[in-house]
Amino acid sequence: MSSLAAQFGQSFSDHPLRKAFMKWQCRVRQMAMRDNDGRPDEAIMPAVILPGQDAALGHIITVMNKAPGHSVTPEMEHMAAKTNDPAQIRDQAIRFLSASHYQKADEFSDILTATFPPESPGAAQIHEARQCRLVFEAYSQCFDLTCKVWRLAPHNLLHQATMAHNRLFNPQMPPDTVVLGFEPDWSASSARPDIR
């Protein structure tokens, strides 16, 4: 895929693995919001495996963002700006995200994102590798995604959506937070059990 996909958060793949992963991610994220008070679990915290490595570098918390045509970034920014009370913001965010937000998988970009502290050595290592595998394993399902890695600029729509989402749960996030995008190569990825 070209950098255009990373720039606009669009993927035009109708690969069966993409469809299965996106539906699964919507389901597990809705469960996290409804049943786990928004706390991330292993279903949305994949292991990051760099090329040539067997062991994971670590786990990251991924964000699944709406594609630009379905963006809710302004709504999330408004929620965060309405009050200075982090508990109130978090409560509103959980209500918003647990309602209908994750019900239509086709409204989401398949480019996952993650935030890292400014000057993060881990983010630098992942970005320098230019690709990695994200291995999601939970609820008797495993998705092993081979991804191209992008460092997203602040003007990128997915960067803005990721920051708006994460500020709902961490209002003190520094403005120079690093946002990486992970663009799956569906033909080089796999699932267990196989969904094809």
N, C-alpha and C. Protein backbone atom coordinates (compact mmCIF):
# COMPACT_ATOMS: atom_id res chain seq x y z
N MET A 1 0.83 -1.19 0.00
CA MET A 1 0.00 0.00 0.00
C MET A 1 0.87 1.24 0.00
N SER A 2 0.35 2.29 -0.54
CA SER A 2 1.12 3.52 -0.64
C SER A 2 1.00 4.34 0.64
N SER A 3 1.80 5.40 0.68
CA SER A 3 1.71 6.29 1.84
C SER A 3 0.38 7.06 1.83
N LEU A 4 -0.30 7.06 0.69
CA LEU A 4 -1.61 7.69 0.62
C LEU A 4 -2.57 7.04 1.61
N ALA A 5 -2.49 5.72 1.71
CA ALA A 5 -3.34 5.01 2.66
C ALA A 5 -3.04 5.48 4.08
N ALA A 6 -1.78 5.62 4.41
CA ALA A 6 -1.41 6.08 5.76
C ALA A 6 -1.84 7.53 5.97
N GLN A 7 -1.74 8.33 4.92
CA GLN A 7 -2.11 9.74 5.04
C GLN A 7 -3.59 9.91 5.33
N PHE A 8 -4.42 9.13 4.67
CA PHE A 8 -5.86 9.34 4.78
C PHE A 8 -6.59 8.26 5.57
N GLY A 9 -5.85 7.25 6.06
CA GLY A 9 -6.49 6.24 6.89
C GLY A 9 -7.42 5.32 6.11
N GLN A 10 -7.23 5.21 4.82
CA GLN A 10 -8.11 4.40 3.99
C GLN A 10 -7.40 3.12 3.58
N SER A 11 -8.13 2.06 3.53
CA SER A 11 -7.64 0.84 2.91
C SER A 11 -8.79 0.33 2.06
N PHE A 12 -8.46 -0.07 0.88
CA PHE A 12 -9.53 -0.51 -0.01
C PHE A 12 -9.52 -2.02 -0.17
N SER A 13 -8.82 -2.69 0.71
CA SER A 13 -8.72 -4.14 0.64
C SER A 13 -10.04 -4.78 1.08
N ASP A 14 -10.48 -5.78 0.32
CA ASP A 14 -11.64 -6.55 0.77
C ASP A 14 -11.20 -7.96 1.14
N HIS A 15 -9.94 -8.07 1.55
CA HIS A 15 -9.37 -9.36 1.95
C HIS A 15 -10.20 -9.95 3.09
N PRO A 16 -10.52 -11.25 3.03
CA PRO A 16 -11.34 -11.87 4.08
C PRO A 16 -10.72 -11.76 5.48
N LEU A 17 -9.38 -11.78 5.55
CA LEU A 17 -8.72 -11.66 6.85
C LEU A 17 -8.95 -10.26 7.43
N ARG A 18 -8.92 -9.24 6.57
CA ARG A 18 -9.18 -7.88 7.03
C ARG A 18 -10.59 -7.79 7.62
N LYS A 19 -11.56 -8.31 6.89
CA LYS A 19 -12.95 -8.24 7.37
C LYS A 19 -13.10 -8.95 8.71
N ALA A 20 -12.52 -10.13 8.83
CA ALA A 20 -12.63 -10.90 10.08
C ALA A 20 -11.95 -10.17 11.24
N PHE A 21 -10.76 -9.63 11.00
CA PHE A 21 -10.03 -8.92 12.05
C PHE A 21 -10.79 -7.67 12.50
N MET A 22 -11.29 -6.91 11.55
CA MET A 22 -11.99 -5.68 11.89
C MET A 22 -13.26 -5.97 12.72
N LYS A 23 -14.00 -7.00 12.33
CA LYS A 23 -15.19 -7.37 13.11
C LYS A 23 -14.81 -7.82 14.51
N TRP A 24 -13.75 -8.63 14.61
CA TRP A 24 -13.29 -9.12 15.91
C TRP A 24 -12.84 -7.94 16.79
N GLN A 25 -12.07 -7.02 16.21
CA GLN A 25 -11.60 -5.88 16.98
C GLN A 25 -12.75 -5.02 17.47
N CYS A 26 -13.75 -4.80 16.63
CA CYS A 26 -14.92 -4.03 17.08
C CYS A 26 -15.60 -4.71 18.26
N ARG A 27 -15.74 -6.03 18.17
CA ARG A 27 -16.41 -6.78 19.23
C ARG A 27 -15.61 -6.71 20.54
N VAL A 28 -14.28 -6.95 20.48
CA VAL A 28 -13.50 -6.97 21.72
C VAL A 28 -13.34 -5.57 22.32
N ARG A 29 -13.32 -4.55 21.48
CA ARG A 29 -13.21 -3.19 22.01
C ARG A 29 -14.53 -2.75 22.66
N GLN A 30 -15.63 -3.16 22.09
CA GLN A 30 -16.91 -2.85 22.71
C GLN A 30 -17.02 -3.57 24.06
N MET A 31 -16.55 -4.82 24.11
CA MET A 31 -16.55 -5.56 25.38
C MET A 31 -15.68 -4.85 26.42
N ALA A 32 -14.51 -4.35 26.01
CA ALA A 32 -13.62 -3.65 26.95
C ALA A 32 -14.31 -2.41 27.52
N MET A 33 -15.04 -1.71 26.67
CA MET A 33 -15.74 -0.51 27.13
C MET A 33 -16.91 -0.87 28.05
N ARG A 34 -17.68 -1.87 27.67
CA ARG A 34 -18.89 -2.20 28.43
C ARG A 34 -18.60 -3.01 29.70
N ASP A 35 -17.65 -3.94 29.62
CA ASP A 35 -17.45 -4.88 30.72
C ASP A 35 -16.20 -4.62 31.55
N ASN A 36 -15.27 -3.83 31.00
CA ASN A 36 -13.97 -3.67 31.68
C ASN A 36 -13.67 -2.21 31.96
N ASP A 37 -14.72 -1.37 31.98
CA ASP A 37 -14.57 0.05 32.31
C ASP A 37 -13.54 0.74 31.41
N GLY A 38 -13.43 0.25 30.15
CA GLY A 38 -12.53 0.89 29.20
C GLY A 38 -11.08 0.46 29.29
N ARG A 39 -10.75 -0.39 30.27
CA ARG A 39 -9.36 -0.82 30.43
C ARG A 39 -8.97 -1.77 29.30
N PRO A 40 -7.81 -1.53 28.66
CA PRO A 40 -7.39 -2.40 27.57
C PRO A 40 -6.96 -3.78 28.09
N ASP A 41 -7.20 -4.80 27.27
CA ASP A 41 -6.74 -6.15 27.62
C ASP A 41 -5.91 -6.69 26.46
N GLU A 42 -5.55 -7.96 26.53
CA GLU A 42 -4.65 -8.53 25.52
C GLU A 42 -5.26 -8.52 24.11
N ALA A 43 -6.57 -8.39 23.99
CA ALA A 43 -7.21 -8.37 22.67
C ALA A 43 -6.88 -7.10 21.89
N ILE A 44 -6.51 -6.03 22.60
CA ILE A 44 -6.15 -4.79 21.91
C ILE A 44 -4.72 -4.36 22.22
N MET A 45 -3.98 -5.24 22.90
CA MET A 45 -2.57 -4.98 23.23
C MET A 45 -1.69 -6.06 22.60
N PRO A 46 -1.40 -5.95 21.31
CA PRO A 46 -0.62 -6.98 20.66
C PRO A 46 0.85 -6.97 21.07
N ALA A 47 1.48 -8.13 20.91
CA ALA A 47 2.93 -8.21 21.02
C ALA A 47 3.51 -7.62 19.74
N VAL A 48 4.61 -6.88 19.89
CA VAL A 48 5.31 -6.29 18.74
C VAL A 48 6.57 -7.12 18.50
N ILE A 49 6.67 -7.69 17.30
CA ILE A 49 7.83 -8.51 16.95
C ILE A 49 8.51 -7.86 15.75
N LEU A 50 9.78 -7.48 15.94
CA LEU A 50 10.53 -6.82 14.88
C LEU A 50 11.13 -7.85 13.92
N PRO A 51 11.42 -7.47 12.68
CA PRO A 51 11.98 -8.40 11.71
C PRO A 51 13.26 -9.06 12.24
N GLY A 52 13.36 -10.36 12.02
CA GLY A 52 14.55 -11.10 12.46
C GLY A 52 14.55 -11.48 13.93
N GLN A 53 13.50 -11.12 14.65
CA GLN A 53 13.42 -11.42 16.08
C GLN A 53 12.39 -12.51 16.33
N ASP A 54 12.63 -13.32 17.35
CA ASP A 54 11.64 -14.32 17.76
C ASP A 54 10.83 -13.82 18.95
N ALA A 55 11.52 -13.10 19.84
CA ALA A 55 10.87 -12.62 21.05
C ALA A 55 10.23 -11.25 20.78
N ALA A 56 9.15 -11.00 21.49
CA ALA A 56 8.46 -9.71 21.34
C ALA A 56 9.27 -8.60 22.00
N LEU A 57 9.25 -7.43 21.37
CA LEU A 57 9.86 -6.24 21.95
C LEU A 57 9.06 -5.82 23.18
N GLY A 58 7.77 -6.08 23.14
CA GLY A 58 6.85 -5.72 24.22
C GLY A 58 5.44 -5.69 23.67
N HIS A 59 4.52 -5.18 24.46
CA HIS A 59 3.12 -5.05 24.03
C HIS A 59 2.77 -3.57 23.96
N ILE A 60 1.92 -3.22 23.03
CA ILE A 60 1.48 -1.83 22.89
C ILE A 60 -0.05 -1.79 22.94
N ILE A 61 -0.58 -0.65 23.36
CA ILE A 61 -2.03 -0.45 23.34
C ILE A 61 -2.37 0.20 22.01
N THR A 62 -3.18 -0.49 21.21
CA THR A 62 -3.54 0.04 19.90
C THR A 62 -4.87 0.78 19.95
N VAL A 63 -5.00 1.74 19.05
CA VAL A 63 -6.25 2.48 18.87
C VAL A 63 -6.76 2.16 17.47
N MET A 64 -8.06 1.94 17.40
CA MET A 64 -8.73 1.69 16.13
C MET A 64 -9.55 2.94 15.83
N ASN A 65 -9.21 3.62 14.75
CA ASN A 65 -9.83 4.91 14.44
C ASN A 65 -10.83 4.79 13.31
N LYS A 66 -11.86 5.61 13.40
CA LYS A 66 -12.82 5.68 12.30
C LYS A 66 -12.11 6.21 11.05
N ALA A 67 -12.50 5.71 9.89
CA ALA A 67 -11.99 6.23 8.63
C ALA A 67 -12.48 7.67 8.49
N PRO A 68 -11.76 8.50 7.71
CA PRO A 68 -12.10 9.93 7.63
C PRO A 68 -13.56 10.24 7.35
N GLY A 69 -14.21 9.48 6.51
CA GLY A 69 -15.61 9.75 6.21
C GLY A 69 -16.56 9.53 7.38
N HIS A 70 -16.06 8.87 8.43
CA HIS A 70 -16.89 8.56 9.60
C HIS A 70 -16.27 9.12 10.89
N SER A 71 -15.33 10.03 10.73
CA SER A 71 -14.56 10.55 11.86
C SER A 71 -15.44 11.09 12.99
N VAL A 72 -15.02 10.82 14.22
CA VAL A 72 -15.68 11.40 15.39
C VAL A 72 -14.67 12.21 16.22
N THR A 73 -13.58 12.60 15.56
CA THR A 73 -12.54 13.37 16.26
C THR A 73 -13.10 14.66 16.87
N PRO A 74 -13.92 15.45 16.15
CA PRO A 74 -14.45 16.68 16.78
C PRO A 74 -15.29 16.38 18.02
N GLU A 75 -16.08 15.29 17.99
CA GLU A 75 -16.89 14.94 19.16
C GLU A 75 -15.99 14.59 20.35
N MET A 76 -14.90 13.85 20.10
CA MET A 76 -14.00 13.48 21.19
C MET A 76 -13.27 14.70 21.74
N GLU A 77 -12.85 15.59 20.86
CA GLU A 77 -12.18 16.81 21.32
C GLU A 77 -13.13 17.67 22.15
N HIS A 78 -14.40 17.72 21.76
CA HIS A 78 -15.41 18.48 22.51
C HIS A 78 -15.62 17.89 23.90
N MET A 79 -15.68 16.55 23.97
CA MET A 79 -15.83 15.88 25.28
C MET A 79 -14.70 16.25 26.22
N ALA A 80 -13.48 16.25 25.69
CA ALA A 80 -12.29 16.54 26.51
C ALA A 80 -12.25 18.00 26.94
N ALA A 81 -12.83 18.89 26.12
CA ALA A 81 -12.76 20.33 26.42
C ALA A 81 -13.88 20.80 27.35
N LYS A 82 -14.93 19.98 27.52
CA LYS A 82 -16.10 20.41 28.30
C LYS A 82 -15.84 20.59 29.78
N THR A 83 -14.88 19.82 30.32
CA THR A 83 -14.63 19.88 31.76
C THR A 83 -13.15 19.61 32.03
N ASN A 84 -12.70 20.03 33.20
CA ASN A 84 -11.32 19.74 33.62
C ASN A 84 -11.25 18.52 34.52
N ASP A 85 -12.38 17.88 34.75
CA ASP A 85 -12.43 16.73 35.65
C ASP A 85 -12.15 15.44 34.86
N PRO A 86 -10.95 14.84 35.04
CA PRO A 86 -10.59 13.65 34.28
C PRO A 86 -11.58 12.49 34.45
N ALA A 87 -12.14 12.35 35.66
CA ALA A 87 -13.10 11.25 35.91
C ALA A 87 -14.37 11.46 35.09
N GLN A 88 -14.81 12.70 35.00
CA GLN A 88 -16.01 13.02 34.23
C GLN A 88 -15.78 12.78 32.73
N ILE A 89 -14.60 13.18 32.26
CA ILE A 89 -14.25 12.98 30.84
C ILE A 89 -14.21 11.48 30.53
N ARG A 90 -13.57 10.72 31.41
CA ARG A 90 -13.46 9.27 31.20
C ARG A 90 -14.84 8.62 31.18
N ASP A 91 -15.71 9.03 32.10
CA ASP A 91 -17.06 8.48 32.18
C ASP A 91 -17.84 8.76 30.89
N GLN A 92 -17.75 9.98 30.40
CA GLN A 92 -18.43 10.34 29.15
C GLN A 92 -17.85 9.55 27.98
N ALA A 93 -16.52 9.38 27.97
CA ALA A 93 -15.86 8.63 26.89
C ALA A 93 -16.33 7.18 26.87
N ILE A 94 -16.40 6.56 28.04
CA ILE A 94 -16.83 5.16 28.11
C ILE A 94 -18.28 5.02 27.65
N ARG A 95 -19.12 5.94 28.06
CA ARG A 95 -20.52 5.91 27.58
C ARG A 95 -20.59 6.05 26.07
N PHE A 96 -19.83 7.00 25.54
CA PHE A 96 -19.82 7.25 24.09
C PHE A 96 -19.29 6.03 23.32
N LEU A 97 -18.16 5.48 23.78
CA LEU A 97 -17.51 4.38 23.05
C LEU A 97 -18.20 3.04 23.25
N SER A 98 -18.96 2.88 24.33
CA SER A 98 -19.63 1.60 24.56
C SER A 98 -21.02 1.55 23.92
N ALA A 99 -21.52 2.69 23.46
CA ALA A 99 -22.84 2.71 22.82
C ALA A 99 -22.74 2.09 21.42
N SER A 100 -22.81 2.89 20.39
CA SER A 100 -22.82 2.35 19.03
C SER A 100 -21.51 2.54 18.28
N HIS A 101 -20.51 3.11 18.94
CA HIS A 101 -19.25 3.46 18.28
C HIS A 101 -18.63 2.30 17.50
N TYR A 102 -18.58 1.12 18.11
CA TYR A 102 -17.89 -0.02 17.49
C TYR A 102 -18.83 -0.97 16.75
N GLN A 103 -20.03 -0.53 16.40
CA GLN A 103 -20.98 -1.47 15.81
C GLN A 103 -20.81 -1.71 14.32
N LYS A 104 -20.14 -0.81 13.61
CA LYS A 104 -19.99 -0.99 12.15
C LYS A 104 -18.51 -1.05 11.80
N ALA A 105 -18.00 -2.26 11.62
CA ALA A 105 -16.57 -2.46 11.36
C ALA A 105 -16.11 -1.77 10.08
N ASP A 106 -17.00 -1.64 9.10
CA ASP A 106 -16.60 -1.04 7.83
C ASP A 106 -16.42 0.48 7.91
N GLU A 107 -16.72 1.07 9.06
CA GLU A 107 -16.50 2.51 9.24
C GLU A 107 -15.09 2.83 9.75
N PHE A 108 -14.30 1.78 10.03
CA PHE A 108 -12.98 1.98 10.63
C PHE A 108 -11.85 1.80 9.63
N SER A 109 -10.79 2.55 9.87
CA SER A 109 -9.55 2.36 9.13
C SER A 109 -8.88 1.10 9.66
N ASP A 110 -8.24 0.34 8.78
CA ASP A 110 -7.50 -0.84 9.26
C ASP A 110 -6.07 -0.48 9.65
N ILE A 111 -5.72 0.79 9.57
CA ILE A 111 -4.41 1.24 10.03
C ILE A 111 -4.52 1.51 11.53
N LEU A 112 -3.97 0.63 12.33
CA LEU A 112 -4.01 0.79 13.78
C LEU A 112 -2.96 1.81 14.20
N THR A 113 -3.20 2.46 15.32
CA THR A 113 -2.25 3.45 15.81
C THR A 113 -1.92 3.17 17.27
N ALA A 114 -0.82 3.75 17.72
CA ALA A 114 -0.42 3.64 19.13
C ALA A 114 0.38 4.88 19.49
N THR A 115 0.26 5.30 20.75
CA THR A 115 1.01 6.46 21.23
C THR A 115 2.18 6.00 22.08
N PHE A 116 3.22 6.82 22.06
CA PHE A 116 4.44 6.57 22.82
C PHE A 116 4.90 7.89 23.42
N PRO A 117 5.59 7.84 24.57
CA PRO A 117 6.09 9.08 25.16
C PRO A 117 7.06 9.78 24.20
N PRO A 118 7.19 11.10 24.32
CA PRO A 118 8.18 11.82 23.50
C PRO A 118 9.57 11.19 23.69
N GLU A 119 10.32 11.11 22.63
CA GLU A 119 11.69 10.54 22.67
C GLU A 119 11.71 9.06 23.08
N SER A 120 10.63 8.35 22.91
CA SER A 120 10.57 6.94 23.30
C SER A 120 11.57 6.09 22.50
N PRO A 121 12.49 5.39 23.18
CA PRO A 121 13.42 4.52 22.45
C PRO A 121 12.69 3.36 21.75
N GLY A 122 11.63 2.86 22.38
CA GLY A 122 10.86 1.78 21.77
C GLY A 122 10.20 2.22 20.48
N ALA A 123 9.60 3.42 20.49
CA ALA A 123 8.97 3.95 19.27
C ALA A 123 10.01 4.14 18.18
N ALA A 124 11.19 4.65 18.56
CA ALA A 124 12.27 4.86 17.58
C ALA A 124 12.71 3.52 16.98
N GLN A 125 12.83 2.50 17.82
CA GLN A 125 13.25 1.18 17.35
C GLN A 125 12.23 0.58 16.39
N ILE A 126 10.95 0.70 16.73
CA ILE A 126 9.89 0.16 15.87
C ILE A 126 9.86 0.93 14.55
N HIS A 127 9.96 2.26 14.62
CA HIS A 127 9.91 3.08 13.41
C HIS A 127 11.11 2.80 12.50
N GLU A 128 12.29 2.67 13.10
CA GLU A 128 13.50 2.41 12.31
C GLU A 128 13.43 1.06 11.60
N ALA A 129 12.73 0.09 12.20
CA ALA A 129 12.59 -1.23 11.58
C ALA A 129 11.71 -1.17 10.32
N ARG A 130 10.86 -0.16 10.24
CA ARG A 130 9.96 0.11 9.11
C ARG A 130 8.85 -0.92 8.93
N GLN A 131 8.99 -2.05 9.58
CA GLN A 131 7.89 -3.02 9.58
C GLN A 131 7.99 -3.86 10.85
N CYS A 132 6.90 -4.52 11.18
CA CYS A 132 6.87 -5.38 12.35
C CYS A 132 5.67 -6.31 12.23
N ARG A 133 5.60 -7.24 13.16
CA ARG A 133 4.41 -8.06 13.29
C ARG A 133 3.69 -7.64 14.56
N LEU A 134 2.37 -7.51 14.47
CA LEU A 134 1.54 -7.31 15.65
C LEU A 134 0.78 -8.61 15.86
N VAL A 135 0.97 -9.21 17.02
CA VAL A 135 0.32 -10.50 17.31
C VAL A 135 -0.72 -10.29 18.41
N PHE A 136 -1.98 -10.38 18.00
CA PHE A 136 -3.12 -10.25 18.90
C PHE A 136 -3.56 -11.66 19.29
N GLU A 137 -3.63 -11.95 20.58
CA GLU A 137 -4.04 -13.29 21.00
C GLU A 137 -4.95 -13.18 22.22
N ALA A 138 -6.23 -13.51 22.02
CA ALA A 138 -7.21 -13.44 23.11
C ALA A 138 -8.48 -14.15 22.69
N TYR A 139 -9.22 -14.60 23.68
CA TYR A 139 -10.52 -15.23 23.43
C TYR A 139 -10.44 -16.36 22.39
N SER A 140 -9.43 -17.22 22.52
CA SER A 140 -9.23 -18.37 21.62
C SER A 140 -9.02 -17.98 20.17
N GLN A 141 -8.56 -16.77 19.94
CA GLN A 141 -8.31 -16.30 18.57
C GLN A 141 -6.94 -15.62 18.51
N CYS A 142 -6.23 -15.82 17.41
CA CYS A 142 -4.94 -15.16 17.21
C CYS A 142 -4.91 -14.54 15.82
N PHE A 143 -4.50 -13.29 15.75
CA PHE A 143 -4.24 -12.62 14.48
C PHE A 143 -2.79 -12.18 14.50
N ASP A 144 -2.03 -12.59 13.48
CA ASP A 144 -0.62 -12.26 13.35
C ASP A 144 -0.50 -11.36 12.12
N LEU A 145 -0.39 -10.05 12.36
CA LEU A 145 -0.42 -9.07 11.27
C LEU A 145 0.97 -8.56 10.94
N THR A 146 1.34 -8.69 9.67
CA THR A 146 2.58 -8.10 9.18
C THR A 146 2.25 -6.67 8.77
N CYS A 147 2.94 -5.71 9.39
CA CYS A 147 2.57 -4.30 9.19
C CYS A 147 3.74 -3.44 8.75
N LYS A 148 3.42 -2.47 7.90
CA LYS A 148 4.34 -1.38 7.59
C LYS A 148 4.16 -0.36 8.70
N VAL A 149 5.27 0.24 9.15
CA VAL A 149 5.19 1.20 10.26
C VAL A 149 5.38 2.62 9.74
N TRP A 150 4.50 3.50 10.17
CA TRP A 150 4.57 4.92 9.82
C TRP A 150 4.68 5.74 11.10
N ARG A 151 5.48 6.80 11.05
CA ARG A 151 5.43 7.80 12.12
C ARG A 151 4.51 8.89 11.59
N LEU A 152 3.40 9.10 12.27
CA LEU A 152 2.37 10.00 11.77
C LEU A 152 2.62 11.44 12.22
N ALA A 153 2.55 12.36 11.27
CA ALA A 153 2.73 13.79 11.56
C ALA A 153 1.47 14.35 12.19
N PRO A 154 1.58 15.42 12.97
CA PRO A 154 0.41 16.00 13.64
C PRO A 154 -0.74 16.37 12.71
N HIS A 155 -0.46 16.69 11.45
CA HIS A 155 -1.56 17.05 10.54
C HIS A 155 -2.27 15.82 9.97
N ASN A 156 -1.71 14.63 10.20
CA ASN A 156 -2.34 13.40 9.71
C ASN A 156 -3.65 13.16 10.45
N LEU A 157 -4.69 12.80 9.72
CA LEU A 157 -6.01 12.60 10.33
C LEU A 157 -6.00 11.50 11.39
N LEU A 158 -5.22 10.44 11.16
CA LEU A 158 -5.16 9.36 12.15
C LEU A 158 -4.39 9.79 13.40
N HIS A 159 -3.39 10.66 13.24
CA HIS A 159 -2.68 11.22 14.40
C HIS A 159 -3.67 12.02 15.25
N GLN A 160 -4.45 12.88 14.60
CA GLN A 160 -5.40 13.71 15.32
C GLN A 160 -6.46 12.86 16.02
N ALA A 161 -6.96 11.84 15.33
CA ALA A 161 -7.98 10.97 15.93
C ALA A 161 -7.42 10.19 17.12
N THR A 162 -6.18 9.72 17.00
CA THR A 162 -5.54 8.96 18.08
C THR A 162 -5.34 9.84 19.31
N MET A 163 -4.84 11.05 19.10
CA MET A 163 -4.62 11.96 20.22
C MET A 163 -5.94 12.32 20.90
N ALA A 164 -6.99 12.56 20.09
CA ALA A 164 -8.30 12.90 20.66
C ALA A 164 -8.83 11.74 21.49
N HIS A 165 -8.69 10.52 20.99
CA HIS A 165 -9.15 9.33 21.71
C HIS A 165 -8.38 9.17 23.02
N ASN A 166 -7.05 9.22 22.95
CA ASN A 166 -6.24 8.95 24.14
C ASN A 166 -6.32 10.06 25.18
N ARG A 167 -6.60 11.28 24.76
CA ARG A 167 -6.75 12.38 25.75
C ARG A 167 -7.99 12.18 26.61
N LEU A 168 -8.96 11.41 26.12
CA LEU A 168 -10.14 11.13 26.94
C LEU A 168 -9.76 10.28 28.16
N PHE A 169 -8.72 9.50 28.03
CA PHE A 169 -8.29 8.61 29.12
C PHE A 169 -7.03 9.12 29.81
N ASN A 170 -6.31 10.03 29.17
CA ASN A 170 -5.10 10.59 29.75
C ASN A 170 -4.98 12.06 29.34
N PRO A 171 -5.72 12.94 30.04
CA PRO A 171 -5.74 14.36 29.65
C PRO A 171 -4.36 15.03 29.72
N GLN A 172 -3.42 14.44 30.47
CA GLN A 172 -2.10 15.05 30.64
C GLN A 172 -1.10 14.59 29.57
N MET A 173 -1.58 13.95 28.51
CA MET A 173 -0.68 13.46 27.48
C MET A 173 0.08 14.64 26.85
N PRO A 174 1.41 14.54 26.76
CA PRO A 174 2.18 15.66 26.19
C PRO A 174 1.82 15.91 24.72
N PRO A 175 1.86 17.17 24.29
CA PRO A 175 1.52 17.48 22.90
C PRO A 175 2.49 16.85 21.90
N ASP A 176 3.74 16.58 22.32
CA ASP A 176 4.71 15.98 21.40
C ASP A 176 4.76 14.45 21.52
N THR A 177 3.67 13.87 21.99
CA THR A 177 3.53 12.41 22.02
C THR A 177 3.76 11.85 20.62
N VAL A 178 4.47 10.74 20.55
CA VAL A 178 4.75 10.09 19.26
C VAL A 178 3.57 9.18 18.91
N VAL A 179 3.08 9.28 17.67
CA VAL A 179 2.01 8.40 17.20
C VAL A 179 2.54 7.60 16.02
N LEU A 180 2.53 6.28 16.18
CA LEU A 180 2.92 5.39 15.08
C LEU A 180 1.67 4.76 14.48
N GLY A 181 1.70 4.56 13.17
CA GLY A 181 0.62 3.88 12.47
C GLY A 181 1.12 2.53 11.97
N PHE A 182 0.28 1.53 12.05
CA PHE A 182 0.62 0.17 11.64
C PHE A 182 -0.35 -0.25 10.54
N GLU A 183 0.18 -0.36 9.32
CA GLU A 183 -0.63 -0.63 8.14
C GLU A 183 -0.47 -2.10 7.74
N PRO A 184 -1.48 -2.94 7.99
CA PRO A 184 -1.34 -4.37 7.73
C PRO A 184 -1.22 -4.71 6.24
N ASP A 185 -0.38 -5.69 5.97
CA ASP A 185 -0.33 -6.33 4.66
C ASP A 185 -1.15 -7.60 4.83
N TRP A 186 -2.40 -7.56 4.41
CA TRP A 186 -3.32 -8.67 4.70
C TRP A 186 -2.90 -9.96 4.04
N SER A 187 -2.26 -9.88 2.87
CA SER A 187 -1.86 -11.12 2.19
C SER A 187 -0.68 -11.79 2.88
N ALA A 188 0.07 -11.03 3.71
CA ALA A 188 1.22 -11.60 4.43
C ALA A 188 0.87 -11.90 5.89
N SER A 189 -0.37 -11.72 6.27
CA SER A 189 -0.81 -11.91 7.65
C SER A 189 -1.60 -13.21 7.79
N SER A 190 -1.86 -13.62 9.03
CA SER A 190 -2.55 -14.89 9.23
C SER A 190 -3.40 -14.85 10.49
N ALA A 191 -4.24 -15.88 10.62
CA ALA A 191 -5.10 -16.02 11.81
C ALA A 191 -5.10 -17.48 12.23
N ARG A 192 -5.28 -17.69 13.55
CA ARG A 192 -5.49 -19.04 14.09
C ARG A 192 -6.66 -18.97 15.04
N PRO A 193 -7.68 -19.76 14.92
CA PRO A 193 -7.90 -20.64 13.77
C PRO A 193 -8.09 -19.83 12.50
N ASP A 194 -7.73 -20.43 11.37
CA ASP A 194 -7.82 -19.74 10.08
C ASP A 194 -9.28 -19.40 9.80
N ILE A 195 -9.53 -18.19 9.36
CA ILE A 195 -10.91 -17.75 9.10
C ILE A 195 -11.27 -17.80 7.62
N ARG A 196 -10.29 -18.17 6.76
CA ARG A 196 -10.57 -18.19 5.32
C ARG A 196 -11.28 -19.45 4.89
